[in-house]
Amino acid sequence: MTSLMTHPYLDHPGPIPFAHRGGAADGLENTAAQFRRAVEAGYRYIETDVHATRDGRLVAFHDSTLDRMTDGAGRIADLSWSEVTRARVAGKEPVPLFEELLETFPQVRWNVDLKAEPALHPLLDLIARTGAWDRVCVGSFSEARVERAQRLAGPRLATSYGTRGVLNLRLRSWGVPAALRRSAVAAQVPESQSGIQVVDHRFVHAAHARGLQVHVWTINDADRMHRLLDLGVDGIMTDHIDTLREVMEDRGVWV
């Protein structure tokens, strides 16, 4: 077996627990308050999403619009930062700037879903300006977008596979030839997709044989967490941060 990738971002003893959007089950996803709760619960890896406002400010927010999660409305890409600041998640928490999160939680490593093309350059500029290369892993459903980020930043940027990379790795695990980007450090995947099992022994073995970690999202059930850890996955993302901590404590792998 090839040794796993050794990017500093992945420097963690044992499986990595990720707080998905800080722990979305609490209803305050992607807010400083929710990220603080995750940190206080012992999490040092947090998943979030980024969009760029009309004036190029990078916000931690999942949706392209404010409508679902806040008392505001409109596409983030069409709004200025001053307009976004008026919105409140669940009617009470502001939408944070990603730059402020890097500063507020210096011990946290961030798994960042690059949601839209306008956020690409602001994100890379921010990582370079703050020297956060070891603290950020960039992913996206768009393989082309992640490839552009990697091409611009080089090997100092940790990235995961997009949809095409995951599909090709699944094909490789079945013995079907498929091209894979060499620069990724992880395959971040759902347990299954459209009725097709993604994560099994063959998939984990194929990833590890290429030096890739396997991080699975979004797992909220304790039995499924145990099953995936039994398979040897390297990380789990969850909305239910207390449940994942309890599972990992039971197994003696909570660090």
Foldseek 3Di string as FASTA:
>chain_A
DDAADDQLLLPDFFFAEEAEQLQCVVQQGQFPVSVVVSVVVPHQEYEFEWDAACVGFIWTDDDQWPPPFWPDTDGRNDHDPVRQQVIAGVHHTGTDGVLVVCVVRVSHAYEYEYEDQSNLVSVLVSCVVVVCLSRYEYEYLDQVSQVVSCVVPPLSHAYEGHVQQLVQLQCVLVVHHDDHDLRHRAHEEECADPPGGRDDLSSCVSQVVSNHAYEYDDDADLVVLVVNVVSPHRYYYYSHSVSNQVSCVVVVNRD
